[in-house]
Amino acid sequence: MHKSDNLQPDQRTAYILAGGKSSRFGSSKALVVIDDQRQIQRLANQLATDAWQTVAISQTAKEFDSLGIRTIADIEPDQGPLAGILAGMLDLHANNRSASAWAIFVTCDLWMWNPGWSNLLVPHSVDPESQLGLLHYFQSDVDSEGFLPFPCSIHIDALPKIQNAWKSRCRSMRELIASLAPLAITHPIREDLLPLSFNTPEDLTRLQCRVARDASHTPQ
């Protein structure tokens, strides 16, 4: 039985995965300055407007504390996103007396948090038609081969299964989702609502140009 599903929104936690090497970007994607803000601050602020408390997960604990973002360390460095997810779920478990049982996980290179994703990713147990599951993620409704593991939501009851997957040397999101089947639930999402991210400076430039172009076409 799922517990703590219907607590107040101000008690829910979003974890930003920021422990990658950013080798393709050439420097820390979390710390790149966009609109006069560090990217991780910018993303944390967007999540805050949707009533998500933010915790960063990096290779080093307290790395982003000076930016006002509590930071915990990966379970192991350089072991991919699952090391961060496990660290986040253990943190959620440690603080669950006052927190929602669902957590959101996003990557630090997410361009923009869409508040509409919250209702799509976090099921409501009061809805008899809702599939509760343990992990929810998106799937492009125009590309059945597209794999979009982030953003995702994970229920605290998934922690033992994630720990077992980790002990079994599972390190990728594909492997984790397979290990949680059929409790990993995918949601088709329209192309215009797909999450956008950047892996290279060129990706970031294209996103900024796209935003500027869309803004110029918006009626005043």
N, C-alpha and C. Protein backbone atom coordinates (compact mmCIF):
# COMPACT_ATOMS: atom_id res chain seq x y z
N MET A 1 0.85 -1.19 0.00
CA MET A 1 0.00 0.00 0.00
C MET A 1 0.88 1.24 0.00
N HIS A 2 0.62 2.12 -0.93
CA HIS A 2 1.37 3.36 -0.95
C HIS A 2 1.00 4.22 0.25
N LYS A 3 1.99 4.91 0.79
CA LYS A 3 1.75 5.75 1.95
C LYS A 3 2.15 7.18 1.62
N SER A 4 1.59 8.12 2.35
CA SER A 4 1.97 9.53 2.25
C SER A 4 1.79 10.11 0.85
N ASP A 5 0.82 9.59 0.10
CA ASP A 5 0.67 10.04 -1.28
C ASP A 5 0.02 11.41 -1.40
N ASN A 6 -0.73 11.82 -0.37
CA ASN A 6 -1.56 13.01 -0.54
C ASN A 6 -1.18 14.14 0.41
N LEU A 7 0.11 14.25 0.73
CA LEU A 7 0.57 15.35 1.56
C LEU A 7 0.58 16.64 0.76
N GLN A 8 0.77 17.75 1.45
CA GLN A 8 0.72 19.04 0.80
C GLN A 8 1.87 19.22 -0.19
N PRO A 9 1.64 19.98 -1.28
CA PRO A 9 2.67 20.14 -2.29
C PRO A 9 3.97 20.71 -1.77
N ASP A 10 3.92 21.55 -0.71
CA ASP A 10 5.15 22.17 -0.24
C ASP A 10 6.06 21.18 0.47
N GLN A 11 5.65 19.93 0.60
CA GLN A 11 6.45 18.91 1.25
C GLN A 11 7.12 17.98 0.23
N ARG A 12 6.97 18.23 -1.03
CA ARG A 12 7.49 17.30 -2.01
C ARG A 12 8.88 17.71 -2.49
N THR A 13 9.68 16.72 -2.87
CA THR A 13 11.10 16.94 -3.15
C THR A 13 11.44 16.59 -4.58
N ALA A 14 12.21 17.45 -5.20
CA ALA A 14 12.78 17.20 -6.54
C ALA A 14 14.29 17.10 -6.40
N TYR A 15 14.86 16.08 -7.00
CA TYR A 15 16.31 15.87 -6.98
C TYR A 15 16.88 16.20 -8.35
N ILE A 16 17.90 17.06 -8.34
CA ILE A 16 18.59 17.43 -9.59
C ILE A 16 19.88 16.63 -9.67
N LEU A 17 20.00 15.78 -10.68
CA LEU A 17 21.20 14.97 -10.88
C LEU A 17 22.27 15.84 -11.53
N ALA A 18 23.35 16.08 -10.79
CA ALA A 18 24.40 16.99 -11.28
C ALA A 18 25.79 16.39 -11.06
N GLY A 19 25.88 15.07 -11.09
CA GLY A 19 27.15 14.42 -10.82
C GLY A 19 27.91 13.95 -12.05
N GLY A 20 27.40 14.28 -13.23
CA GLY A 20 28.07 13.85 -14.45
C GLY A 20 29.33 14.66 -14.74
N LYS A 21 30.14 14.15 -15.65
CA LYS A 21 31.39 14.82 -15.99
C LYS A 21 31.23 15.99 -16.95
N SER A 22 30.08 16.08 -17.63
CA SER A 22 29.84 17.15 -18.63
C SER A 22 30.95 17.19 -19.67
N SER A 23 31.44 16.01 -20.07
CA SER A 23 32.58 15.96 -21.00
C SER A 23 32.24 16.54 -22.36
N ARG A 24 31.01 16.35 -22.83
CA ARG A 24 30.63 16.89 -24.13
C ARG A 24 30.42 18.39 -24.07
N PHE A 25 30.06 18.90 -22.90
CA PHE A 25 29.83 20.33 -22.77
C PHE A 25 31.15 21.08 -22.57
N GLY A 26 32.11 20.44 -21.94
CA GLY A 26 33.41 21.06 -21.76
C GLY A 26 33.61 21.73 -20.42
N SER A 27 32.53 21.93 -19.69
CA SER A 27 32.57 22.50 -18.34
C SER A 27 31.29 22.08 -17.65
N SER A 28 31.15 22.45 -16.40
CA SER A 28 29.96 22.03 -15.65
C SER A 28 28.69 22.62 -16.25
N LYS A 29 27.77 21.76 -16.67
CA LYS A 29 26.49 22.24 -17.17
C LYS A 29 25.67 22.87 -16.04
N ALA A 30 25.84 22.36 -14.83
CA ALA A 30 25.10 22.89 -13.70
C ALA A 30 25.47 24.34 -13.40
N LEU A 31 26.71 24.72 -13.72
CA LEU A 31 27.20 26.05 -13.35
C LEU A 31 27.26 27.03 -14.51
N VAL A 32 26.85 26.60 -15.71
CA VAL A 32 26.85 27.53 -16.82
C VAL A 32 25.85 28.65 -16.52
N VAL A 33 26.20 29.88 -16.90
CA VAL A 33 25.35 31.03 -16.61
C VAL A 33 24.36 31.24 -17.75
N ILE A 34 23.08 31.24 -17.40
CA ILE A 34 22.00 31.48 -18.36
C ILE A 34 21.07 32.52 -17.74
N ASP A 35 20.83 33.59 -18.46
CA ASP A 35 19.95 34.65 -17.94
C ASP A 35 20.43 35.13 -16.57
N ASP A 36 21.74 35.31 -16.45
CA ASP A 36 22.35 35.85 -15.24
C ASP A 36 22.23 34.94 -14.02
N GLN A 37 21.95 33.64 -14.25
CA GLN A 37 21.87 32.68 -13.17
C GLN A 37 22.64 31.42 -13.54
N ARG A 38 23.19 30.77 -12.54
CA ARG A 38 23.73 29.44 -12.76
C ARG A 38 22.58 28.51 -13.15
N GLN A 39 22.83 27.61 -14.07
CA GLN A 39 21.76 26.74 -14.56
C GLN A 39 21.07 25.99 -13.44
N ILE A 40 21.82 25.49 -12.48
CA ILE A 40 21.18 24.69 -11.42
C ILE A 40 20.29 25.57 -10.54
N GLN A 41 20.67 26.84 -10.34
CA GLN A 41 19.81 27.77 -9.61
C GLN A 41 18.56 28.08 -10.41
N ARG A 42 18.75 28.28 -11.69
CA ARG A 42 17.63 28.59 -12.59
C ARG A 42 16.60 27.46 -12.57
N LEU A 43 17.09 26.22 -12.64
CA LEU A 43 16.19 25.07 -12.63
C LEU A 43 15.54 24.91 -11.26
N ALA A 44 16.31 25.11 -10.19
CA ALA A 44 15.75 25.01 -8.84
C ALA A 44 14.65 26.04 -8.63
N ASN A 45 14.83 27.24 -9.15
CA ASN A 45 13.81 28.28 -9.03
C ASN A 45 12.53 27.91 -9.78
N GLN A 46 12.69 27.31 -10.95
CA GLN A 46 11.52 26.87 -11.71
C GLN A 46 10.75 25.80 -10.95
N LEU A 47 11.48 24.86 -10.36
CA LEU A 47 10.84 23.81 -9.58
C LEU A 47 10.16 24.38 -8.34
N ALA A 48 10.78 25.38 -7.74
CA ALA A 48 10.21 25.99 -6.54
C ALA A 48 8.87 26.64 -6.83
N THR A 49 8.73 27.25 -8.01
CA THR A 49 7.45 27.88 -8.35
C THR A 49 6.35 26.84 -8.52
N ASP A 50 6.73 25.56 -8.68
CA ASP A 50 5.77 24.46 -8.77
C ASP A 50 5.72 23.68 -7.45
N ALA A 51 6.21 24.31 -6.38
CA ALA A 51 6.13 23.76 -5.02
C ALA A 51 6.97 22.50 -4.82
N TRP A 52 8.09 22.43 -5.53
CA TRP A 52 9.04 21.33 -5.30
C TRP A 52 10.26 21.87 -4.55
N GLN A 53 10.58 21.27 -3.42
CA GLN A 53 11.83 21.57 -2.74
C GLN A 53 12.96 20.86 -3.47
N THR A 54 14.06 21.54 -3.68
CA THR A 54 15.14 21.01 -4.51
C THR A 54 16.31 20.52 -3.67
N VAL A 55 16.81 19.35 -4.04
CA VAL A 55 18.06 18.82 -3.50
C VAL A 55 18.92 18.44 -4.70
N ALA A 56 20.17 18.88 -4.71
CA ALA A 56 21.09 18.49 -5.78
C ALA A 56 21.84 17.24 -5.37
N ILE A 57 22.19 16.43 -6.36
CA ILE A 57 23.00 15.23 -6.13
C ILE A 57 24.21 15.32 -7.03
N SER A 58 25.40 15.35 -6.44
CA SER A 58 26.63 15.51 -7.20
C SER A 58 27.67 14.53 -6.68
N GLN A 59 28.86 14.58 -7.25
CA GLN A 59 29.91 13.69 -6.78
C GLN A 59 30.41 14.09 -5.40
N THR A 60 30.23 15.37 -5.06
CA THR A 60 30.72 15.89 -3.79
C THR A 60 29.58 16.49 -2.99
N ALA A 61 29.38 16.06 -1.77
CA ALA A 61 28.35 16.63 -0.91
C ALA A 61 28.64 18.11 -0.67
N LYS A 62 27.58 18.91 -0.55
CA LYS A 62 27.64 20.34 -0.27
C LYS A 62 28.20 21.17 -1.43
N GLU A 63 28.38 20.56 -2.61
CA GLU A 63 28.99 21.28 -3.73
C GLU A 63 28.22 22.54 -4.10
N PHE A 64 26.89 22.49 -4.03
CA PHE A 64 26.08 23.64 -4.43
C PHE A 64 25.41 24.32 -3.23
N ASP A 65 25.84 23.97 -2.03
CA ASP A 65 25.24 24.58 -0.84
C ASP A 65 25.40 26.11 -0.85
N SER A 66 26.53 26.59 -1.38
CA SER A 66 26.76 28.04 -1.40
C SER A 66 25.79 28.76 -2.31
N LEU A 67 25.13 28.01 -3.21
CA LEU A 67 24.11 28.60 -4.09
C LEU A 67 22.72 28.48 -3.48
N GLY A 68 22.65 27.99 -2.25
CA GLY A 68 21.37 27.83 -1.59
C GLY A 68 20.65 26.55 -1.92
N ILE A 69 21.38 25.56 -2.46
CA ILE A 69 20.79 24.28 -2.84
C ILE A 69 21.47 23.17 -2.05
N ARG A 70 20.73 22.53 -1.16
CA ARG A 70 21.31 21.43 -0.39
C ARG A 70 21.80 20.35 -1.34
N THR A 71 23.02 19.89 -1.13
CA THR A 71 23.64 18.94 -2.05
C THR A 71 24.11 17.71 -1.30
N ILE A 72 23.72 16.54 -1.80
CA ILE A 72 24.19 15.27 -1.27
C ILE A 72 25.05 14.58 -2.33
N ALA A 73 25.80 13.57 -1.90
CA ALA A 73 26.73 12.90 -2.81
C ALA A 73 26.13 11.64 -3.41
N ASP A 74 26.56 11.33 -4.64
CA ASP A 74 26.24 10.04 -5.25
C ASP A 74 26.66 8.89 -4.33
N ILE A 75 26.00 7.77 -4.47
CA ILE A 75 26.42 6.57 -3.74
C ILE A 75 27.85 6.21 -4.09
N GLU A 76 28.17 6.27 -5.37
CA GLU A 76 29.54 6.07 -5.86
C GLU A 76 29.76 7.06 -7.00
N PRO A 77 30.95 7.65 -7.10
CA PRO A 77 31.21 8.57 -8.21
C PRO A 77 31.35 7.83 -9.53
N ASP A 78 31.01 8.53 -10.61
CA ASP A 78 31.23 8.02 -11.97
C ASP A 78 30.52 6.70 -12.24
N GLN A 79 29.35 6.52 -11.66
CA GLN A 79 28.59 5.28 -11.87
C GLN A 79 27.24 5.53 -12.53
N GLY A 80 27.10 6.70 -13.15
CA GLY A 80 25.89 6.98 -13.90
C GLY A 80 24.73 7.46 -13.04
N PRO A 81 23.59 7.66 -13.68
CA PRO A 81 22.45 8.27 -12.98
C PRO A 81 21.89 7.41 -11.85
N LEU A 82 22.04 6.10 -11.94
CA LEU A 82 21.46 5.26 -10.91
C LEU A 82 22.11 5.50 -9.55
N ALA A 83 23.40 5.88 -9.54
CA ALA A 83 24.07 6.22 -8.27
C ALA A 83 23.41 7.42 -7.64
N GLY A 84 23.00 8.37 -8.44
CA GLY A 84 22.30 9.54 -7.93
C GLY A 84 20.89 9.23 -7.49
N ILE A 85 20.21 8.39 -8.26
CA ILE A 85 18.84 8.03 -7.90
C ILE A 85 18.82 7.30 -6.56
N LEU A 86 19.73 6.36 -6.37
CA LEU A 86 19.77 5.64 -5.11
C LEU A 86 20.08 6.58 -3.95
N ALA A 87 21.01 7.51 -4.16
CA ALA A 87 21.31 8.49 -3.11
C ALA A 87 20.08 9.32 -2.78
N GLY A 88 19.34 9.74 -3.81
CA GLY A 88 18.14 10.52 -3.58
C GLY A 88 17.06 9.75 -2.85
N MET A 89 16.86 8.49 -3.23
CA MET A 89 15.84 7.69 -2.57
C MET A 89 16.18 7.40 -1.11
N LEU A 90 17.46 7.21 -0.81
CA LEU A 90 17.88 7.04 0.58
C LEU A 90 17.66 8.33 1.37
N ASP A 91 17.91 9.47 0.73
CA ASP A 91 17.66 10.76 1.37
C ASP A 91 16.17 10.96 1.60
N LEU A 92 15.35 10.60 0.62
CA LEU A 92 13.90 10.71 0.77
C LEU A 92 13.42 9.84 1.92
N HIS A 93 13.95 8.62 2.00
CA HIS A 93 13.56 7.70 3.07
C HIS A 93 13.94 8.27 4.43
N ALA A 94 15.11 8.87 4.52
CA ALA A 94 15.57 9.42 5.79
C ALA A 94 14.72 10.59 6.25
N ASN A 95 14.08 11.28 5.32
CA ASN A 95 13.30 12.47 5.66
C ASN A 95 11.81 12.28 5.43
N ASN A 96 11.37 11.03 5.33
CA ASN A 96 10.01 10.79 4.84
C ASN A 96 8.92 11.05 5.87
N ARG A 97 9.25 11.30 7.10
CA ARG A 97 8.19 11.57 8.07
C ARG A 97 7.44 12.85 7.73
N SER A 98 8.07 13.74 7.02
CA SER A 98 7.41 15.01 6.69
C SER A 98 7.39 15.27 5.18
N ALA A 99 7.70 14.25 4.39
CA ALA A 99 7.81 14.46 2.94
C ALA A 99 6.80 13.60 2.19
N SER A 100 6.52 14.02 0.97
CA SER A 100 5.70 13.19 0.09
C SER A 100 6.42 11.90 -0.23
N ALA A 101 5.65 10.86 -0.50
CA ALA A 101 6.24 9.57 -0.84
C ALA A 101 6.75 9.53 -2.26
N TRP A 102 6.43 10.55 -3.06
CA TRP A 102 6.90 10.62 -4.44
C TRP A 102 8.00 11.67 -4.54
N ALA A 103 9.03 11.35 -5.29
CA ALA A 103 10.08 12.32 -5.59
C ALA A 103 10.22 12.44 -7.10
N ILE A 104 10.61 13.62 -7.53
CA ILE A 104 10.90 13.87 -8.94
C ILE A 104 12.42 13.87 -9.11
N PHE A 105 12.89 13.28 -10.21
CA PHE A 105 14.30 13.32 -10.57
C PHE A 105 14.44 13.98 -11.93
N VAL A 106 15.31 15.00 -11.99
CA VAL A 106 15.58 15.69 -13.24
C VAL A 106 17.10 15.79 -13.39
N THR A 107 17.55 16.00 -14.61
CA THR A 107 18.97 16.21 -14.85
C THR A 107 19.26 17.71 -14.86
N CYS A 108 20.50 18.06 -14.53
CA CYS A 108 20.84 19.48 -14.39
C CYS A 108 20.83 20.23 -15.71
N ASP A 109 20.78 19.51 -16.83
CA ASP A 109 20.77 20.18 -18.13
C ASP A 109 19.36 20.34 -18.69
N LEU A 110 18.34 20.10 -17.86
CA LEU A 110 16.97 20.32 -18.30
C LEU A 110 16.76 21.81 -18.55
N TRP A 111 16.28 22.15 -19.73
CA TRP A 111 16.16 23.56 -20.10
C TRP A 111 15.06 24.26 -19.30
N MET A 112 13.92 23.61 -19.14
CA MET A 112 12.78 24.28 -18.52
C MET A 112 11.89 23.24 -17.86
N TRP A 113 11.51 23.50 -16.61
CA TRP A 113 10.55 22.65 -15.93
C TRP A 113 9.14 23.11 -16.29
N ASN A 114 8.31 22.17 -16.73
CA ASN A 114 6.92 22.46 -17.08
C ASN A 114 6.03 22.01 -15.92
N PRO A 115 5.34 22.94 -15.25
CA PRO A 115 4.50 22.56 -14.11
C PRO A 115 3.45 21.51 -14.44
N GLY A 116 3.04 21.44 -15.70
CA GLY A 116 2.06 20.44 -16.09
C GLY A 116 2.57 19.02 -15.96
N TRP A 117 3.89 18.86 -15.94
CA TRP A 117 4.45 17.51 -15.80
C TRP A 117 4.15 16.91 -14.44
N SER A 118 3.98 17.73 -13.41
CA SER A 118 3.76 17.21 -12.07
C SER A 118 2.54 16.29 -12.01
N ASN A 119 1.43 16.76 -12.57
CA ASN A 119 0.21 15.96 -12.56
C ASN A 119 0.32 14.72 -13.44
N LEU A 120 1.16 14.80 -14.47
CA LEU A 120 1.33 13.65 -15.35
C LEU A 120 2.21 12.57 -14.71
N LEU A 121 3.22 13.01 -13.95
CA LEU A 121 4.20 12.06 -13.41
C LEU A 121 3.83 11.54 -12.03
N VAL A 122 3.09 12.31 -11.27
CA VAL A 122 2.76 11.88 -9.90
C VAL A 122 1.29 11.48 -9.86
N PRO A 123 1.01 10.18 -9.75
CA PRO A 123 -0.38 9.73 -9.76
C PRO A 123 -1.09 10.12 -8.46
N HIS A 124 -2.41 10.18 -8.55
CA HIS A 124 -3.23 10.53 -7.39
C HIS A 124 -3.99 9.28 -6.95
N SER A 125 -3.70 8.81 -5.75
CA SER A 125 -4.29 7.56 -5.28
C SER A 125 -5.80 7.65 -5.12
N VAL A 126 -6.34 8.88 -5.05
CA VAL A 126 -7.80 9.02 -4.91
C VAL A 126 -8.50 8.77 -6.24
N ASP A 127 -7.74 8.71 -7.32
CA ASP A 127 -8.31 8.48 -8.65
C ASP A 127 -8.32 6.98 -8.92
N PRO A 128 -9.50 6.33 -8.98
CA PRO A 128 -9.54 4.88 -9.19
C PRO A 128 -8.98 4.44 -10.53
N GLU A 129 -8.90 5.37 -11.50
CA GLU A 129 -8.39 5.02 -12.82
C GLU A 129 -6.87 5.19 -12.89
N SER A 130 -6.29 5.75 -11.86
CA SER A 130 -4.86 6.05 -11.88
C SER A 130 -4.02 4.78 -11.70
N GLN A 131 -2.98 4.65 -12.50
CA GLN A 131 -2.02 3.58 -12.33
C GLN A 131 -0.93 4.07 -11.38
N LEU A 132 -0.87 3.52 -10.18
CA LEU A 132 0.08 4.03 -9.21
C LEU A 132 1.51 3.68 -9.58
N GLY A 133 1.79 2.40 -9.75
CA GLY A 133 3.14 2.00 -10.11
C GLY A 133 4.16 2.45 -9.08
N LEU A 134 5.44 2.39 -9.46
CA LEU A 134 6.53 2.85 -8.60
C LEU A 134 7.41 3.87 -9.29
N LEU A 135 7.41 3.89 -10.62
CA LEU A 135 8.21 4.84 -11.39
C LEU A 135 7.42 5.26 -12.60
N HIS A 136 7.40 6.56 -12.86
CA HIS A 136 6.68 7.10 -14.02
C HIS A 136 7.63 7.94 -14.86
N TYR A 137 7.55 7.77 -16.17
CA TYR A 137 8.40 8.54 -17.08
C TYR A 137 7.66 8.75 -18.39
N PHE A 138 8.23 9.60 -19.25
CA PHE A 138 7.55 9.99 -20.48
C PHE A 138 8.03 9.17 -21.68
N GLN A 139 7.15 9.16 -22.68
CA GLN A 139 7.45 8.55 -23.98
C GLN A 139 6.87 9.46 -25.05
N SER A 140 7.68 9.82 -26.04
CA SER A 140 7.18 10.64 -27.13
C SER A 140 6.03 9.94 -27.82
N ASP A 141 4.96 10.67 -28.08
CA ASP A 141 3.82 10.05 -28.75
C ASP A 141 4.00 9.95 -30.26
N VAL A 142 5.13 10.48 -30.77
CA VAL A 142 5.40 10.38 -32.21
C VAL A 142 6.63 9.52 -32.50
N ASP A 143 7.32 9.07 -31.46
CA ASP A 143 8.52 8.27 -31.65
C ASP A 143 8.53 7.14 -30.63
N SER A 144 8.03 5.97 -31.03
CA SER A 144 7.93 4.85 -30.11
C SER A 144 9.28 4.33 -29.66
N GLU A 145 10.34 4.70 -30.39
CA GLU A 145 11.69 4.27 -30.02
C GLU A 145 12.38 5.27 -29.09
N GLY A 146 11.79 6.45 -28.96
CA GLY A 146 12.40 7.47 -28.11
C GLY A 146 12.36 7.06 -26.64
N PHE A 147 13.50 7.18 -25.98
CA PHE A 147 13.58 6.80 -24.57
C PHE A 147 13.84 8.05 -23.77
N LEU A 148 12.91 8.41 -22.89
CA LEU A 148 12.98 9.65 -22.14
C LEU A 148 12.90 9.34 -20.65
N PRO A 149 14.00 8.91 -20.05
CA PRO A 149 13.95 8.51 -18.64
C PRO A 149 13.83 9.66 -17.65
N PHE A 150 14.16 10.89 -18.11
CA PHE A 150 14.08 12.06 -17.22
C PHE A 150 13.30 13.18 -17.91
N PRO A 151 12.47 13.90 -17.16
CA PRO A 151 12.22 13.73 -15.73
C PRO A 151 11.40 12.48 -15.45
N CYS A 152 11.51 11.98 -14.23
CA CYS A 152 10.71 10.84 -13.81
C CYS A 152 10.31 11.03 -12.36
N SER A 153 9.30 10.29 -11.95
CA SER A 153 8.91 10.28 -10.55
C SER A 153 9.10 8.86 -10.01
N ILE A 154 9.52 8.76 -8.76
CA ILE A 154 9.75 7.46 -8.13
C ILE A 154 9.13 7.46 -6.74
N HIS A 155 8.42 6.41 -6.42
CA HIS A 155 7.79 6.27 -5.11
C HIS A 155 8.77 5.65 -4.12
N ILE A 156 8.65 6.05 -2.88
CA ILE A 156 9.58 5.57 -1.87
C ILE A 156 9.55 4.05 -1.70
N ASP A 157 8.42 3.42 -2.03
CA ASP A 157 8.34 1.97 -1.93
C ASP A 157 9.23 1.26 -2.94
N ALA A 158 9.76 2.01 -3.91
CA ALA A 158 10.68 1.42 -4.89
C ALA A 158 12.08 1.24 -4.33
N LEU A 159 12.39 1.85 -3.17
CA LEU A 159 13.76 1.84 -2.66
C LEU A 159 14.35 0.44 -2.53
N PRO A 160 13.67 -0.53 -1.93
CA PRO A 160 14.29 -1.87 -1.83
C PRO A 160 14.60 -2.48 -3.19
N LYS A 161 13.73 -2.26 -4.16
CA LYS A 161 13.97 -2.80 -5.50
C LYS A 161 15.16 -2.10 -6.16
N ILE A 162 15.30 -0.80 -5.94
CA ILE A 162 16.44 -0.07 -6.50
C ILE A 162 17.74 -0.54 -5.83
N GLN A 163 17.70 -0.77 -4.54
CA GLN A 163 18.89 -1.28 -3.84
C GLN A 163 19.28 -2.65 -4.37
N ASN A 164 18.30 -3.50 -4.61
CA ASN A 164 18.60 -4.83 -5.16
C ASN A 164 19.16 -4.72 -6.57
N ALA A 165 18.61 -3.81 -7.36
CA ALA A 165 19.12 -3.63 -8.72
C ALA A 165 20.57 -3.14 -8.67
N TRP A 166 20.87 -2.23 -7.76
CA TRP A 166 22.23 -1.73 -7.61
C TRP A 166 23.20 -2.85 -7.22
N LYS A 167 22.79 -3.67 -6.28
CA LYS A 167 23.63 -4.79 -5.84
C LYS A 167 23.86 -5.80 -6.97
N SER A 168 22.91 -5.84 -7.90
CA SER A 168 23.03 -6.74 -9.06
C SER A 168 23.79 -6.11 -10.21
N ARG A 169 24.45 -4.98 -9.95
CA ARG A 169 25.27 -4.25 -10.92
C ARG A 169 24.46 -3.53 -11.99
N CYS A 170 23.20 -3.29 -11.71
CA CYS A 170 22.40 -2.44 -12.61
C CYS A 170 22.92 -1.02 -12.49
N ARG A 171 23.22 -0.38 -13.63
CA ARG A 171 23.75 0.97 -13.60
C ARG A 171 23.04 1.93 -14.56
N SER A 172 22.20 1.43 -15.44
CA SER A 172 21.55 2.30 -16.42
C SER A 172 20.06 2.42 -16.11
N MET A 173 19.46 3.49 -16.62
CA MET A 173 18.04 3.68 -16.44
C MET A 173 17.22 2.62 -17.16
N ARG A 174 17.68 2.17 -18.31
CA ARG A 174 16.97 1.10 -19.01
C ARG A 174 16.91 -0.15 -18.14
N GLU A 175 18.03 -0.48 -17.52
CA GLU A 175 18.08 -1.66 -16.67
C GLU A 175 17.19 -1.49 -15.44
N LEU A 176 17.20 -0.29 -14.86
CA LEU A 176 16.36 -0.05 -13.70
C LEU A 176 14.89 -0.17 -14.04
N ILE A 177 14.49 0.45 -15.13
CA ILE A 177 13.09 0.40 -15.55
C ILE A 177 12.67 -1.04 -15.83
N ALA A 178 13.56 -1.81 -16.46
CA ALA A 178 13.25 -3.22 -16.72
C ALA A 178 13.09 -4.00 -15.41
N SER A 179 13.91 -3.66 -14.42
CA SER A 179 13.86 -4.38 -13.14
C SER A 179 12.59 -4.05 -12.36
N LEU A 180 11.98 -2.89 -12.64
CA LEU A 180 10.76 -2.48 -11.94
C LEU A 180 9.49 -2.89 -12.68
N ALA A 181 9.61 -3.40 -13.89
CA ALA A 181 8.43 -3.80 -14.66
C ALA A 181 7.63 -4.85 -13.86
N PRO A 182 6.29 -4.75 -13.93
CA PRO A 182 5.44 -3.82 -14.68
C PRO A 182 5.08 -2.55 -13.90
N LEU A 183 5.84 -2.25 -12.87
CA LEU A 183 5.52 -1.10 -12.03
C LEU A 183 6.20 0.18 -12.50
N ALA A 184 6.93 0.11 -13.62
CA ALA A 184 7.47 1.30 -14.28
C ALA A 184 6.52 1.66 -15.41
N ILE A 185 5.91 2.81 -15.30
CA ILE A 185 4.82 3.17 -16.19
C ILE A 185 5.22 4.35 -17.06
N THR A 186 5.06 4.19 -18.35
CA THR A 186 5.41 5.25 -19.28
C THR A 186 4.15 6.00 -19.72
N HIS A 187 4.32 7.31 -19.96
CA HIS A 187 3.20 8.15 -20.35
C HIS A 187 3.51 8.82 -21.68
N PRO A 188 2.73 8.54 -22.72
CA PRO A 188 2.93 9.26 -23.99
C PRO A 188 2.71 10.75 -23.78
N ILE A 189 3.55 11.54 -24.42
CA ILE A 189 3.47 12.99 -24.25
C ILE A 189 3.62 13.66 -25.61
N ARG A 190 2.85 14.72 -25.84
CA ARG A 190 2.90 15.41 -27.11
C ARG A 190 4.28 16.00 -27.36
N GLU A 191 4.59 16.14 -28.65
CA GLU A 191 5.91 16.64 -29.02
C GLU A 191 6.18 18.03 -28.46
N ASP A 192 5.15 18.88 -28.39
CA ASP A 192 5.37 20.24 -27.89
C ASP A 192 5.57 20.30 -26.38
N LEU A 193 5.34 19.18 -25.69
CA LEU A 193 5.54 19.14 -24.24
C LEU A 193 6.78 18.34 -23.84
N LEU A 194 7.52 17.85 -24.83
CA LEU A 194 8.69 17.04 -24.53
C LEU A 194 9.73 17.84 -23.75
N PRO A 195 10.39 17.21 -22.78
CA PRO A 195 11.48 17.91 -22.08
C PRO A 195 12.65 18.15 -23.02
N LEU A 196 13.25 19.33 -22.91
CA LEU A 196 14.40 19.70 -23.73
C LEU A 196 15.62 19.84 -22.82
N SER A 197 16.77 19.40 -23.32
CA SER A 197 18.00 19.50 -22.55
C SER A 197 19.15 19.81 -23.49
N PHE A 198 20.31 20.09 -22.90
CA PHE A 198 21.47 20.41 -23.72
C PHE A 198 22.68 19.60 -23.25
N ASN A 199 23.39 19.04 -24.21
CA ASN A 199 24.59 18.26 -23.91
C ASN A 199 25.87 18.95 -24.37
N THR A 200 25.74 19.89 -25.31
CA THR A 200 26.90 20.58 -25.86
C THR A 200 26.62 22.09 -25.86
N PRO A 201 27.65 22.91 -26.00
CA PRO A 201 27.42 24.35 -26.12
C PRO A 201 26.53 24.69 -27.32
N GLU A 202 26.68 23.90 -28.38
CA GLU A 202 25.85 24.14 -29.57
C GLU A 202 24.37 23.88 -29.27
N ASP A 203 24.10 22.82 -28.48
CA ASP A 203 22.72 22.54 -28.08
C ASP A 203 22.14 23.73 -27.30
N LEU A 204 22.94 24.26 -26.40
CA LEU A 204 22.48 25.39 -25.58
C LEU A 204 22.20 26.61 -26.45
N THR A 205 23.08 26.87 -27.40
CA THR A 205 22.88 28.01 -28.29
C THR A 205 21.60 27.85 -29.09
N ARG A 206 21.35 26.64 -29.58
CA ARG A 206 20.12 26.39 -30.35
C ARG A 206 18.88 26.61 -29.48
N LEU A 207 18.92 26.17 -28.23
CA LEU A 207 17.78 26.37 -27.34
C LEU A 207 17.54 27.85 -27.08
N GLN A 208 18.62 28.59 -26.85
CA GLN A 208 18.48 30.03 -26.59
C GLN A 208 17.93 30.75 -27.81
N CYS A 209 18.39 30.36 -28.99
CA CYS A 209 17.88 30.96 -30.22
C CYS A 209 16.41 30.63 -30.43
N ARG A 210 16.05 29.40 -30.11
CA ARG A 210 14.66 28.98 -30.26
C ARG A 210 13.74 29.78 -29.33
N VAL A 211 14.18 29.95 -28.09
CA VAL A 211 13.38 30.72 -27.13
C VAL A 211 13.24 32.17 -27.59
N ALA A 212 14.35 32.76 -28.07
CA ALA A 212 14.31 34.14 -28.55
C ALA A 212 13.38 34.26 -29.76
N ARG A 213 13.44 33.28 -30.66
CA ARG A 213 12.59 33.30 -31.85
C ARG A 213 11.13 33.18 -31.46
N ASP A 214 10.82 32.26 -30.53
CA ASP A 214 9.42 32.08 -30.10
C ASP A 214 8.91 33.34 -29.41
N ALA A 215 9.79 33.97 -28.62
CA ALA A 215 9.36 35.19 -27.92
C ALA A 215 9.05 36.31 -28.90
N SER A 216 9.84 36.39 -29.99
CA SER A 216 9.62 37.45 -30.97
C SER A 216 8.32 37.25 -31.74
N HIS A 217 7.81 35.98 -31.75
CA HIS A 217 6.58 35.70 -32.48
C HIS A 217 5.36 35.73 -31.57
N THR A 218 5.57 35.96 -30.28
CA THR A 218 4.46 36.01 -29.34
C THR A 218 3.77 37.36 -29.42
N PRO A 219 2.44 37.37 -29.60
CA PRO A 219 1.71 38.65 -29.68
C PRO A 219 1.88 39.44 -28.38
N GLN A 220 2.12 40.71 -28.50
CA GLN A 220 2.29 41.56 -27.32
C GLN A 220 0.91 42.04 -26.80
